[in-house]
Amino acid sequence: MRAWGTVIVILTMLMVATVDTKIYGRCNLAMKLEKAGLNGFLGYSIGDWLCVAHYESGFDTSFVDHNPDGSSEYGIFQLNSAWWCDNGITPTLNLCHMECRDLLNRHILDDIMCVKQVVSSRNGMNAWDSWTRHCYGHDLSEWLKGCNMHAKPDAKIMTS
């Protein structure tokens, strides 16, 4: 009976730890990104952002990936702890001036502010290998199909 109580306590703690996370639906995320000003930001469309978020995290705000170099990537856009946020473990430049754990909740405005910094850097969307492999040069209009939005899926892509 005591073991059963321990299991219940552990499950409750896990549920509390994940209660503020979210796996966004494609159209819901598209609307949030548009509202936050990402459509056309530096020439990239909502389609670019949806494509990256899909291939990086599956639209999951709680996703964390650990790299062989010891850094980790956090959140819906998989922002790296060596460059963009501080995970308290690995050395970082923390260019977005934030804690990595803040990228793991359903509130993605801070994530969006950080990705604006990422694409404003010299690499643009090339900072994400997934964008280069899966999104660049592809028809991104599919990402907005069925979404009732004002966003244009064909914003001109500018790369450096």
N, C-alpha and C. Protein backbone atom coordinates (compact mmCIF):
# COMPACT_ATOMS: atom_id res chain seq x y z
N MET A 1 0.83 -1.19 0.00
CA MET A 1 0.00 0.00 0.00
C MET A 1 0.87 1.25 0.00
N ARG A 2 2.00 1.19 0.70
CA ARG A 2 2.89 2.33 0.78
C ARG A 2 3.50 2.66 -0.59
N ALA A 3 3.83 1.62 -1.37
CA ALA A 3 4.38 1.81 -2.71
C ALA A 3 3.36 2.51 -3.61
N TRP A 4 2.10 2.14 -3.47
CA TRP A 4 1.04 2.76 -4.26
C TRP A 4 0.94 4.26 -3.95
N GLY A 5 1.07 4.62 -2.70
CA GLY A 5 1.05 6.03 -2.31
C GLY A 5 2.22 6.79 -2.91
N THR A 6 3.38 6.16 -2.97
CA THR A 6 4.56 6.79 -3.59
C THR A 6 4.33 7.02 -5.07
N VAL A 7 3.73 6.04 -5.74
CA VAL A 7 3.43 6.18 -7.16
C VAL A 7 2.48 7.35 -7.40
N ILE A 8 1.47 7.48 -6.59
CA ILE A 8 0.51 8.58 -6.73
C ILE A 8 1.19 9.93 -6.53
N VAL A 9 2.05 10.02 -5.53
CA VAL A 9 2.78 11.27 -5.28
C VAL A 9 3.65 11.62 -6.47
N ILE A 10 4.36 10.66 -7.03
CA ILE A 10 5.24 10.91 -8.18
C ILE A 10 4.42 11.34 -9.38
N LEU A 11 3.31 10.66 -9.65
CA LEU A 11 2.46 11.04 -10.79
C LEU A 11 1.88 12.44 -10.61
N THR A 12 1.49 12.78 -9.42
CA THR A 12 0.97 14.11 -9.15
C THR A 12 2.04 15.17 -9.40
N MET A 13 3.27 14.90 -8.97
CA MET A 13 4.36 15.85 -9.18
C MET A 13 4.65 16.03 -10.67
N LEU A 14 4.60 14.94 -11.42
CA LEU A 14 4.82 15.03 -12.86
C LEU A 14 3.73 15.84 -13.55
N MET A 15 2.48 15.66 -13.11
CA MET A 15 1.38 16.42 -13.69
C MET A 15 1.52 17.90 -13.38
N VAL A 16 1.91 18.25 -12.18
CA VAL A 16 2.09 19.64 -11.80
C VAL A 16 3.24 20.26 -12.61
N ALA A 17 4.30 19.50 -12.84
CA ALA A 17 5.46 20.01 -13.57
C ALA A 17 5.13 20.30 -15.02
N THR A 18 4.15 19.59 -15.61
CA THR A 18 3.84 19.77 -17.03
C THR A 18 2.56 20.57 -17.27
N VAL A 19 1.92 21.05 -16.23
CA VAL A 19 0.64 21.72 -16.40
C VAL A 19 0.74 23.02 -17.19
N ASP A 20 1.87 23.66 -17.21
CA ASP A 20 2.01 24.93 -17.91
C ASP A 20 2.64 24.78 -19.30
N THR A 21 2.76 23.55 -19.79
CA THR A 21 3.31 23.33 -21.11
C THR A 21 2.18 23.18 -22.11
N LYS A 22 2.54 23.21 -23.38
CA LYS A 22 1.50 23.08 -24.39
C LYS A 22 2.10 22.56 -25.68
N ILE A 23 1.35 21.70 -26.34
CA ILE A 23 1.66 21.33 -27.72
C ILE A 23 0.64 22.08 -28.56
N TYR A 24 1.11 23.07 -29.28
CA TYR A 24 0.23 23.92 -30.07
C TYR A 24 -0.28 23.20 -31.31
N GLY A 25 -1.50 23.54 -31.70
CA GLY A 25 -2.00 23.16 -33.01
C GLY A 25 -1.40 24.12 -34.03
N ARG A 26 -1.25 23.67 -35.24
CA ARG A 26 -0.62 24.45 -36.30
C ARG A 26 -1.28 25.83 -36.49
N CYS A 27 -2.58 25.87 -36.63
CA CYS A 27 -3.27 27.14 -36.88
C CYS A 27 -3.25 28.05 -35.66
N ASN A 28 -3.39 27.45 -34.48
CA ASN A 28 -3.35 28.24 -33.25
C ASN A 28 -1.98 28.91 -33.12
N LEU A 29 -0.92 28.15 -33.38
CA LEU A 29 0.42 28.71 -33.31
C LEU A 29 0.61 29.78 -34.38
N ALA A 30 0.11 29.53 -35.58
CA ALA A 30 0.23 30.51 -36.66
C ALA A 30 -0.39 31.84 -36.26
N MET A 31 -1.55 31.79 -35.63
CA MET A 31 -2.21 33.02 -35.20
C MET A 31 -1.40 33.76 -34.13
N LYS A 32 -0.82 33.00 -33.19
CA LYS A 32 0.02 33.62 -32.16
C LYS A 32 1.25 34.27 -32.77
N LEU A 33 1.86 33.60 -33.72
CA LEU A 33 3.06 34.14 -34.37
C LEU A 33 2.74 35.39 -35.18
N GLU A 34 1.60 35.37 -35.87
CA GLU A 34 1.18 36.54 -36.63
C GLU A 34 0.90 37.72 -35.69
N LYS A 35 0.19 37.46 -34.62
CA LYS A 35 -0.14 38.51 -33.66
C LYS A 35 1.13 39.12 -33.06
N ALA A 36 2.17 38.31 -32.88
CA ALA A 36 3.43 38.78 -32.30
C ALA A 36 4.34 39.45 -33.32
N GLY A 37 3.88 39.56 -34.57
CA GLY A 37 4.64 40.30 -35.57
C GLY A 37 5.70 39.51 -36.33
N LEU A 38 5.58 38.19 -36.37
CA LEU A 38 6.59 37.41 -37.08
C LEU A 38 6.32 37.30 -38.58
N ASN A 39 5.09 37.54 -39.03
CA ASN A 39 4.84 37.43 -40.47
C ASN A 39 5.54 38.57 -41.21
N GLY A 40 6.50 38.22 -42.04
CA GLY A 40 7.26 39.21 -42.79
C GLY A 40 8.46 39.76 -42.03
N PHE A 41 8.66 39.34 -40.79
CA PHE A 41 9.79 39.83 -40.01
C PHE A 41 11.09 39.44 -40.71
N LEU A 42 11.84 40.44 -41.12
CA LEU A 42 13.09 40.27 -41.86
C LEU A 42 12.92 39.40 -43.10
N GLY A 43 11.71 39.44 -43.67
CA GLY A 43 11.45 38.72 -44.92
C GLY A 43 10.98 37.28 -44.75
N TYR A 44 10.79 36.82 -43.53
CA TYR A 44 10.37 35.45 -43.30
C TYR A 44 8.87 35.39 -43.02
N SER A 45 8.23 34.35 -43.53
CA SER A 45 6.78 34.20 -43.41
C SER A 45 6.40 33.35 -42.20
N ILE A 46 5.13 33.36 -41.88
CA ILE A 46 4.61 32.47 -40.84
C ILE A 46 4.90 31.02 -41.23
N GLY A 47 4.86 30.73 -42.52
CA GLY A 47 5.19 29.39 -42.99
C GLY A 47 6.60 28.96 -42.58
N ASP A 48 7.55 29.89 -42.67
CA ASP A 48 8.92 29.58 -42.23
C ASP A 48 8.94 29.21 -40.76
N TRP A 49 8.26 30.02 -39.95
CA TRP A 49 8.25 29.80 -38.50
C TRP A 49 7.55 28.51 -38.12
N LEU A 50 6.43 28.21 -38.78
CA LEU A 50 5.72 26.97 -38.50
C LEU A 50 6.55 25.76 -38.89
N CYS A 51 7.20 25.85 -40.03
CA CYS A 51 8.04 24.76 -40.50
C CYS A 51 9.17 24.49 -39.50
N VAL A 52 9.84 25.54 -39.05
CA VAL A 52 10.92 25.38 -38.06
C VAL A 52 10.38 24.77 -36.77
N ALA A 53 9.30 25.33 -36.24
CA ALA A 53 8.76 24.83 -34.98
C ALA A 53 8.32 23.37 -35.09
N HIS A 54 7.78 23.01 -36.24
CA HIS A 54 7.38 21.61 -36.46
C HIS A 54 8.58 20.68 -36.42
N TYR A 55 9.60 21.01 -37.19
CA TYR A 55 10.76 20.12 -37.28
C TYR A 55 11.66 20.18 -36.05
N GLU A 56 11.64 21.28 -35.32
CA GLU A 56 12.46 21.40 -34.11
C GLU A 56 11.82 20.72 -32.91
N SER A 57 10.50 20.93 -32.71
CA SER A 57 9.87 20.47 -31.46
C SER A 57 8.52 19.80 -31.64
N GLY A 58 8.00 19.74 -32.85
CA GLY A 58 6.64 19.23 -33.02
C GLY A 58 5.62 20.14 -32.37
N PHE A 59 5.93 21.45 -32.29
CA PHE A 59 5.08 22.48 -31.68
C PHE A 59 4.95 22.30 -30.17
N ASP A 60 5.87 21.60 -29.55
CA ASP A 60 5.83 21.28 -28.12
C ASP A 60 6.70 22.27 -27.33
N THR A 61 6.07 23.05 -26.47
CA THR A 61 6.82 24.05 -25.70
C THR A 61 7.74 23.44 -24.66
N SER A 62 7.51 22.19 -24.28
CA SER A 62 8.31 21.57 -23.22
C SER A 62 9.48 20.75 -23.74
N PHE A 63 9.69 20.74 -25.04
CA PHE A 63 10.72 19.88 -25.62
C PHE A 63 12.13 20.38 -25.29
N VAL A 64 12.98 19.46 -24.82
CA VAL A 64 14.38 19.75 -24.54
C VAL A 64 15.21 18.69 -25.25
N ASP A 65 16.27 19.12 -25.92
CA ASP A 65 17.16 18.20 -26.61
C ASP A 65 18.59 18.48 -26.13
N HIS A 66 19.30 17.42 -25.79
CA HIS A 66 20.66 17.55 -25.27
C HIS A 66 21.66 17.25 -26.38
N ASN A 67 22.65 18.09 -26.54
CA ASN A 67 23.65 17.97 -27.59
C ASN A 67 24.94 17.33 -27.08
N PRO A 68 25.70 16.72 -27.98
CA PRO A 68 26.97 16.09 -27.59
C PRO A 68 27.97 17.07 -26.96
N ASP A 69 27.88 18.36 -27.32
CA ASP A 69 28.82 19.34 -26.77
C ASP A 69 28.46 19.77 -25.34
N GLY A 70 27.38 19.23 -24.79
CA GLY A 70 26.96 19.57 -23.43
C GLY A 70 25.89 20.64 -23.36
N SER A 71 25.67 21.35 -24.45
CA SER A 71 24.60 22.35 -24.47
C SER A 71 23.27 21.64 -24.67
N SER A 72 22.19 22.37 -24.45
CA SER A 72 20.85 21.82 -24.68
C SER A 72 20.03 22.85 -25.44
N GLU A 73 18.98 22.37 -26.08
CA GLU A 73 18.08 23.24 -26.83
C GLU A 73 16.70 23.16 -26.19
N TYR A 74 16.05 24.32 -26.10
CA TYR A 74 14.84 24.43 -25.29
C TYR A 74 13.66 25.02 -26.05
N GLY A 75 12.50 24.45 -25.78
CA GLY A 75 11.25 25.04 -26.20
C GLY A 75 10.83 24.76 -27.62
N ILE A 76 9.81 25.48 -28.01
CA ILE A 76 9.16 25.26 -29.29
C ILE A 76 10.09 25.55 -30.48
N PHE A 77 11.06 26.45 -30.30
CA PHE A 77 12.01 26.77 -31.36
C PHE A 77 13.41 26.20 -31.10
N GLN A 78 13.56 25.45 -30.02
CA GLN A 78 14.82 24.80 -29.69
C GLN A 78 16.00 25.77 -29.66
N LEU A 79 15.93 26.71 -28.75
CA LEU A 79 16.98 27.72 -28.59
C LEU A 79 18.11 27.16 -27.73
N ASN A 80 19.32 27.31 -28.22
CA ASN A 80 20.49 26.66 -27.63
C ASN A 80 21.01 27.40 -26.42
N SER A 81 21.34 26.62 -25.38
CA SER A 81 21.82 27.19 -24.12
C SER A 81 23.22 27.79 -24.22
N ALA A 82 23.98 27.42 -25.23
CA ALA A 82 25.32 28.00 -25.39
C ALA A 82 25.24 29.44 -25.90
N TRP A 83 24.16 29.76 -26.59
CA TRP A 83 24.05 31.07 -27.23
C TRP A 83 22.94 31.95 -26.66
N TRP A 84 21.75 31.39 -26.50
CA TRP A 84 20.56 32.22 -26.35
C TRP A 84 19.97 32.30 -24.96
N CYS A 85 20.20 31.31 -24.11
CA CYS A 85 19.60 31.31 -22.77
C CYS A 85 20.56 30.66 -21.78
N ASP A 86 20.27 30.83 -20.51
CA ASP A 86 21.12 30.29 -19.44
C ASP A 86 20.41 29.14 -18.76
N ASN A 87 21.01 27.95 -18.86
CA ASN A 87 20.40 26.79 -18.20
C ASN A 87 21.04 26.52 -16.84
N GLY A 88 22.00 27.36 -16.44
CA GLY A 88 22.64 27.20 -15.14
C GLY A 88 23.63 26.06 -15.08
N ILE A 89 23.87 25.41 -16.22
CA ILE A 89 24.76 24.26 -16.24
C ILE A 89 25.95 24.49 -17.16
N THR A 90 25.67 24.87 -18.39
CA THR A 90 26.73 25.01 -19.38
C THR A 90 27.09 26.49 -19.58
N PRO A 91 28.31 26.76 -20.01
CA PRO A 91 28.69 28.15 -20.33
C PRO A 91 27.77 28.71 -21.42
N THR A 92 27.46 29.99 -21.34
CA THR A 92 26.52 30.58 -22.28
C THR A 92 26.85 32.05 -22.56
N LEU A 93 26.48 32.49 -23.75
CA LEU A 93 26.52 33.92 -24.05
C LEU A 93 25.22 34.58 -23.60
N ASN A 94 24.15 33.80 -23.48
CA ASN A 94 22.83 34.26 -23.04
C ASN A 94 22.41 35.55 -23.77
N LEU A 95 22.44 35.49 -25.08
CA LEU A 95 22.15 36.67 -25.90
C LEU A 95 20.70 37.15 -25.79
N CYS A 96 19.81 36.30 -25.31
CA CYS A 96 18.42 36.73 -25.09
C CYS A 96 18.16 37.13 -23.65
N HIS A 97 19.19 37.05 -22.81
CA HIS A 97 19.10 37.48 -21.40
C HIS A 97 17.91 36.83 -20.69
N MET A 98 17.89 35.48 -20.73
CA MET A 98 16.78 34.77 -20.11
C MET A 98 17.23 33.39 -19.61
N GLU A 99 16.44 32.84 -18.72
CA GLU A 99 16.65 31.48 -18.24
C GLU A 99 16.05 30.53 -19.27
N CYS A 100 16.75 29.44 -19.56
CA CYS A 100 16.24 28.46 -20.52
C CYS A 100 14.90 27.87 -20.10
N ARG A 101 14.70 27.69 -18.80
CA ARG A 101 13.45 27.10 -18.33
C ARG A 101 12.24 27.98 -18.70
N ASP A 102 12.47 29.28 -18.92
CA ASP A 102 11.38 30.17 -19.31
C ASP A 102 10.88 29.88 -20.73
N LEU A 103 11.63 29.09 -21.48
CA LEU A 103 11.23 28.72 -22.83
C LEU A 103 10.36 27.46 -22.86
N LEU A 104 10.10 26.89 -21.72
CA LEU A 104 9.42 25.59 -21.66
C LEU A 104 7.95 25.66 -21.26
N ASN A 105 7.37 26.84 -21.27
CA ASN A 105 5.96 26.95 -20.89
C ASN A 105 5.11 27.39 -22.08
N ARG A 106 3.82 27.44 -21.86
CA ARG A 106 2.87 27.79 -22.93
C ARG A 106 2.93 29.26 -23.34
N HIS A 107 3.57 30.07 -22.54
CA HIS A 107 3.66 31.51 -22.81
C HIS A 107 4.87 31.75 -23.72
N ILE A 108 4.62 31.91 -25.01
CA ILE A 108 5.73 31.90 -25.97
C ILE A 108 6.18 33.29 -26.43
N LEU A 109 5.65 34.34 -25.81
CA LEU A 109 6.08 35.68 -26.22
C LEU A 109 7.58 35.86 -25.99
N ASP A 110 8.11 35.33 -24.88
CA ASP A 110 9.55 35.44 -24.64
C ASP A 110 10.34 34.62 -25.67
N ASP A 111 9.81 33.47 -26.08
CA ASP A 111 10.43 32.67 -27.13
C ASP A 111 10.49 33.48 -28.43
N ILE A 112 9.38 34.14 -28.74
CA ILE A 112 9.29 34.92 -29.98
C ILE A 112 10.26 36.10 -29.95
N MET A 113 10.37 36.76 -28.81
CA MET A 113 11.33 37.87 -28.71
C MET A 113 12.75 37.36 -28.95
N CYS A 114 13.04 36.19 -28.45
CA CYS A 114 14.38 35.61 -28.62
C CYS A 114 14.61 35.19 -30.07
N VAL A 115 13.63 34.55 -30.72
CA VAL A 115 13.85 34.15 -32.12
C VAL A 115 14.00 35.35 -33.03
N LYS A 116 13.40 36.47 -32.66
CA LYS A 116 13.62 37.69 -33.44
C LYS A 116 15.09 38.09 -33.37
N GLN A 117 15.70 37.89 -32.20
CA GLN A 117 17.13 38.17 -32.06
C GLN A 117 17.95 37.19 -32.88
N VAL A 118 17.54 35.93 -32.86
CA VAL A 118 18.27 34.90 -33.61
C VAL A 118 18.29 35.24 -35.10
N VAL A 119 17.13 35.54 -35.68
CA VAL A 119 17.09 35.82 -37.12
C VAL A 119 17.69 37.17 -37.46
N SER A 120 17.83 38.03 -36.48
CA SER A 120 18.48 39.32 -36.72
C SER A 120 20.00 39.16 -36.74
N SER A 121 20.50 38.01 -36.30
CA SER A 121 21.94 37.75 -36.35
C SER A 121 22.33 37.45 -37.79
N ARG A 122 23.60 37.35 -38.03
CA ARG A 122 24.09 37.21 -39.41
C ARG A 122 23.60 35.94 -40.11
N ASN A 123 23.20 34.92 -39.36
CA ASN A 123 22.77 33.66 -39.98
C ASN A 123 21.30 33.63 -40.39
N GLY A 124 20.51 34.56 -39.89
CA GLY A 124 19.08 34.53 -40.20
C GLY A 124 18.46 33.19 -39.82
N MET A 125 17.56 32.70 -40.64
CA MET A 125 16.92 31.41 -40.38
C MET A 125 17.88 30.24 -40.56
N ASN A 126 19.02 30.49 -41.19
CA ASN A 126 20.03 29.43 -41.33
C ASN A 126 20.56 28.99 -39.97
N ALA A 127 20.25 29.72 -38.91
CA ALA A 127 20.65 29.32 -37.56
C ALA A 127 20.01 27.98 -37.18
N TRP A 128 18.91 27.64 -37.84
CA TRP A 128 18.25 26.35 -37.63
C TRP A 128 18.56 25.43 -38.80
N ASP A 129 19.27 24.35 -38.54
CA ASP A 129 19.56 23.37 -39.59
C ASP A 129 18.27 22.82 -40.18
N SER A 130 17.25 22.67 -39.36
CA SER A 130 15.98 22.13 -39.85
C SER A 130 15.35 23.06 -40.89
N TRP A 131 15.52 24.37 -40.74
CA TRP A 131 14.98 25.30 -41.73
C TRP A 131 15.71 25.11 -43.05
N THR A 132 17.03 24.98 -42.99
CA THR A 132 17.82 24.80 -44.21
C THR A 132 17.43 23.49 -44.90
N ARG A 133 17.26 22.42 -44.13
CA ARG A 133 16.96 21.10 -44.69
C ARG A 133 15.51 20.96 -45.16
N HIS A 134 14.55 21.48 -44.39
CA HIS A 134 13.15 21.17 -44.65
C HIS A 134 12.29 22.33 -45.14
N CYS A 135 12.75 23.55 -44.95
CA CYS A 135 11.87 24.70 -45.21
C CYS A 135 12.37 25.59 -46.36
N TYR A 136 13.64 25.90 -46.36
CA TYR A 136 14.21 26.81 -47.36
C TYR A 136 13.97 26.28 -48.77
N GLY A 137 13.41 27.14 -49.61
CA GLY A 137 13.16 26.77 -50.99
C GLY A 137 11.94 25.91 -51.22
N HIS A 138 11.20 25.58 -50.18
CA HIS A 138 10.00 24.76 -50.31
C HIS A 138 8.75 25.64 -50.32
N ASP A 139 7.67 25.09 -50.83
CA ASP A 139 6.38 25.77 -50.79
C ASP A 139 5.87 25.74 -49.36
N LEU A 140 5.88 26.88 -48.71
CA LEU A 140 5.49 26.95 -47.30
C LEU A 140 4.01 27.31 -47.13
N SER A 141 3.31 27.51 -48.23
CA SER A 141 1.89 27.86 -48.14
C SER A 141 1.08 26.73 -47.51
N GLU A 142 1.57 25.50 -47.61
CA GLU A 142 0.87 24.35 -47.01
C GLU A 142 0.72 24.51 -45.50
N TRP A 143 1.65 25.20 -44.87
CA TRP A 143 1.61 25.36 -43.42
C TRP A 143 0.41 26.19 -42.96
N LEU A 144 -0.13 27.02 -43.85
CA LEU A 144 -1.26 27.88 -43.47
C LEU A 144 -2.60 27.39 -44.03
N LYS A 145 -2.58 26.30 -44.79
CA LYS A 145 -3.82 25.79 -45.36
C LYS A 145 -4.82 25.45 -44.27
N GLY A 146 -6.04 25.96 -44.43
CA GLY A 146 -7.10 25.68 -43.48
C GLY A 146 -7.10 26.61 -42.27
N CYS A 147 -6.11 27.48 -42.18
CA CYS A 147 -6.06 28.44 -41.07
C CYS A 147 -6.72 29.73 -41.54
N ASN A 148 -7.64 30.25 -40.76
CA ASN A 148 -8.33 31.49 -41.11
C ASN A 148 -7.47 32.67 -40.65
N MET A 149 -6.58 33.11 -41.55
CA MET A 149 -5.60 34.14 -41.17
C MET A 149 -5.43 35.17 -42.28
N HIS A 150 -4.81 36.28 -41.90
CA HIS A 150 -4.49 37.32 -42.86
C HIS A 150 -3.07 37.17 -43.39
N ALA A 151 -2.29 36.30 -42.77
CA ALA A 151 -0.87 36.15 -43.12
C ALA A 151 -0.72 35.68 -44.56
N LYS A 152 0.28 36.21 -45.20
CA LYS A 152 0.65 35.79 -46.54
C LYS A 152 1.73 34.71 -46.42
N PRO A 153 1.52 33.54 -47.02
CA PRO A 153 2.49 32.47 -46.88
C PRO A 153 3.73 32.67 -47.72
N ASP A 154 3.75 33.68 -48.57
CA ASP A 154 4.85 33.82 -49.52
C ASP A 154 5.69 35.07 -49.31
N ALA A 155 5.89 35.46 -48.05
CA ALA A 155 6.77 36.60 -47.79
C ALA A 155 8.13 36.32 -48.42
N LYS A 156 8.71 37.32 -49.03
CA LYS A 156 9.99 37.13 -49.71
C LYS A 156 11.08 36.75 -48.71
N ILE A 157 11.78 35.68 -49.00
CA ILE A 157 12.84 35.21 -48.12
C ILE A 157 14.11 35.98 -48.44
N MET A 158 14.71 36.51 -47.39
CA MET A 158 15.99 37.21 -47.55
C MET A 158 17.02 36.46 -46.72
N THR A 159 18.08 36.00 -47.36
CA THR A 159 19.13 35.34 -46.64
C THR A 159 20.42 36.10 -46.83
N SER A 160 21.33 35.92 -45.86
CA SER A 160 22.60 36.62 -45.98
C SER A 160 23.69 35.64 -46.26
